[in-house]
Structures are given as structure tokens and as C-alpha cells.
Amino acid sequence: MIKQYHYFNYIYNLTIKSIILSTKLAGYVQEVLVNEAQKVKKGDTLVRIDNIELLSNLEVLKVTLMM
């Protein structure tokens, strides 16, 4: 991806080779839904996270609350 920046009367072209992604939840990537160099927009789903561990933790919390 090439971004153009205007600073005073100069134009700079910067090539973006990588970005840092993070999630609010930890887990293993189950499926990647985009291809390399594919254009995406804000809100697009990029990967699916395996939720089996999260569901297991949820069940433990439910049982704990019932005690």
C-alpha cells in the first residue's frame, strides 16, 4: 500500500509493508478470511478465532456463580 503525505510543498510516498493487529480476546486463529494484499475496510472480519477455550471458561464461570 502506498500512502501520499503532503508536508509543506513536498509530497512523500510511503510504502506500508506491514501493520500490527491485535484483538480484545486471546485465542488461536481458526480461519483467515482475507488474502495477502487484499484491500479491506474498517469493520471487515479478517480472521476467525477458535472460541472453544472461551466457551469452556464461560461454563466454568456459570457453574461458579451457581454455587
C-alpha atoms as a PDB file:
ATOM      1  CA  MET A   1       0.000   0.000   0.000  1.00  0.00           C
ATOM      2  CA  ILE A   2       1.339   3.438  -0.875  1.00  0.00           C
ATOM      3  CA  LYS A   3       0.222   6.456   1.132  1.00  0.00           C
ATOM      4  CA  GLN A   4       0.850  10.002  -0.034  1.00  0.00           C
ATOM      5  CA  TYR A   5       1.588  12.671   2.537  1.00  0.00           C
ATOM      6  CA  HIS A   6       1.744  16.381   1.826  1.00  0.00           C
ATOM      7  CA  TYR A   7       4.094  18.353   4.061  1.00  0.00           C
ATOM      8  CA  PHE A   8       4.548  21.988   3.183  1.00  0.00           C
ATOM      9  CA  ASN A   9       5.074  21.901  -0.590  1.00  0.00           C
ATOM     10  CA  TYR A  10       6.584  18.403  -0.693  1.00  0.00           C
ATOM     11  CA  ILE A  11       4.828  15.127  -1.424  1.00  0.00           C
ATOM     12  CA  TYR A  12       6.126  11.987   0.257  1.00  0.00           C
ATOM     13  CA  ASN A  13       5.174   8.495  -0.885  1.00  0.00           C
ATOM     14  CA  LEU A  14       5.443   5.924   1.890  1.00  0.00           C
ATOM     15  CA  THR A  15       5.073   2.210   1.250  1.00  0.00           C
ATOM     16  CA  ILE A  16       3.356   0.377   4.086  1.00  0.00           C
ATOM     17  CA  LYS A  17       4.705  -3.175   4.227  1.00  0.00           C
ATOM     18  CA  SER A  18       3.190  -4.380   7.473  1.00  0.00           C
ATOM     19  CA  ILE A  19       0.810  -3.417  10.231  1.00  0.00           C
ATOM     20  CA  ILE A  20       0.224  -4.610  13.754  1.00  0.00           C
ATOM     21  CA  LEU A  21      -3.119  -6.258  14.504  1.00  0.00           C
ATOM     22  CA  SER A  22      -4.467  -7.057  17.917  1.00  0.00           C
ATOM     23  CA  THR A  23      -7.667  -8.451  19.366  1.00  0.00           C
ATOM     24  CA  LYS A  24      -9.592  -7.916  22.578  1.00  0.00           C
ATOM     25  CA  LEU A  25      -9.602 -11.672  23.192  1.00  0.00           C
ATOM     26  CA  ALA A  26      -6.802 -14.209  23.143  1.00  0.00           C
ATOM     27  CA  GLY A  27      -7.117 -17.393  21.132  1.00  0.00           C
ATOM     28  CA  TYR A  28      -5.879 -19.432  18.212  1.00  0.00           C
ATOM     29  CA  VAL A  29      -6.669 -18.374  14.664  1.00  0.00           C
ATOM     30  CA  GLN A  30      -9.182 -20.841  13.256  1.00  0.00           C
ATOM     31  CA  GLU A  31      -9.536 -19.341   9.783  1.00  0.00           C
ATOM     32  CA  VAL A  32      -8.041 -16.434   7.808  1.00  0.00           C
ATOM     33  CA  LEU A  33     -10.758 -14.764   5.756  1.00  0.00           C
ATOM     34  CA  VAL A  34      -8.664 -12.432   3.569  1.00  0.00           C
ATOM     35  CA  ASN A  35      -5.854 -12.917   1.086  1.00  0.00           C
ATOM     36  CA  GLU A  36      -2.433 -11.303   1.169  1.00  0.00           C
ATOM     37  CA  ALA A  37      -2.518  -7.765  -0.279  1.00  0.00           C
ATOM     38  CA  GLN A  38      -6.345  -7.799  -0.363  1.00  0.00           C
ATOM     39  CA  LYS A  39      -7.889  -4.413   0.342  1.00  0.00           C
ATOM     40  CA  VAL A  40     -10.028  -4.308   3.464  1.00  0.00           C
ATOM     41  CA  LYS A  41     -12.029  -1.622   5.180  1.00  0.00           C
ATOM     42  CA  LYS A  42     -12.815  -0.793   8.768  1.00  0.00           C
ATOM     43  CA  GLY A  43     -15.148  -3.380  10.254  1.00  0.00           C
ATOM     44  CA  ASP A  44     -14.213  -6.232   7.892  1.00  0.00           C
ATOM     45  CA  THR A  45     -13.697  -9.594   9.564  1.00  0.00           C
ATOM     46  CA  LEU A  46     -10.105 -10.673   8.894  1.00  0.00           C
ATOM     47  CA  VAL A  47      -9.839 -13.882  10.929  1.00  0.00           C
ATOM     48  CA  ARG A  48     -11.985 -16.206  12.989  1.00  0.00           C
ATOM     49  CA  ILE A  49     -10.698 -17.030  16.455  1.00  0.00           C
ATOM     50  CA  ASP A  50     -11.246 -20.535  17.864  1.00  0.00           C
ATOM     51  CA  ASN A  51     -13.686 -19.966  20.732  1.00  0.00           C
ATOM     52  CA  ILE A  52     -13.677 -23.418  22.363  1.00  0.00           C
ATOM     53  CA  GLU A  53     -11.464 -22.235  25.245  1.00  0.00           C
ATOM     54  CA  LEU A  54     -13.628 -19.149  25.780  1.00  0.00           C
ATOM     55  CA  LEU A  55     -16.801 -21.264  25.863  1.00  0.00           C
ATOM     56  CA  SER A  56     -15.165 -23.639  28.332  1.00  0.00           C
ATOM     57  CA  ASN A  57     -14.197 -20.737  30.603  1.00  0.00           C
ATOM     58  CA  LEU A  58     -17.738 -19.372  30.342  1.00  0.00           C
ATOM     59  CA  GLU A  59     -19.191 -22.686  31.528  1.00  0.00           C
ATOM     60  CA  VAL A  60     -16.790 -22.739  34.485  1.00  0.00           C
ATOM     61  CA  LEU A  61     -17.860 -19.210  35.430  1.00  0.00           C
ATOM     62  CA  LYS A  62     -21.559 -20.120  35.174  1.00  0.00           C
ATOM     63  CA  VAL A  63     -21.064 -23.109  37.489  1.00  0.00           C
ATOM     64  CA  THR A  64     -19.035 -20.966  39.904  1.00  0.00           C
ATOM     65  CA  LEU A  65     -21.808 -18.353  40.058  1.00  0.00           C
ATOM     66  CA  MET A  66     -24.424 -21.016  40.814  1.00  0.00           C
ATOM     67  CA  MET A  67     -22.524 -22.220  43.906  1.00  0.00           C
END
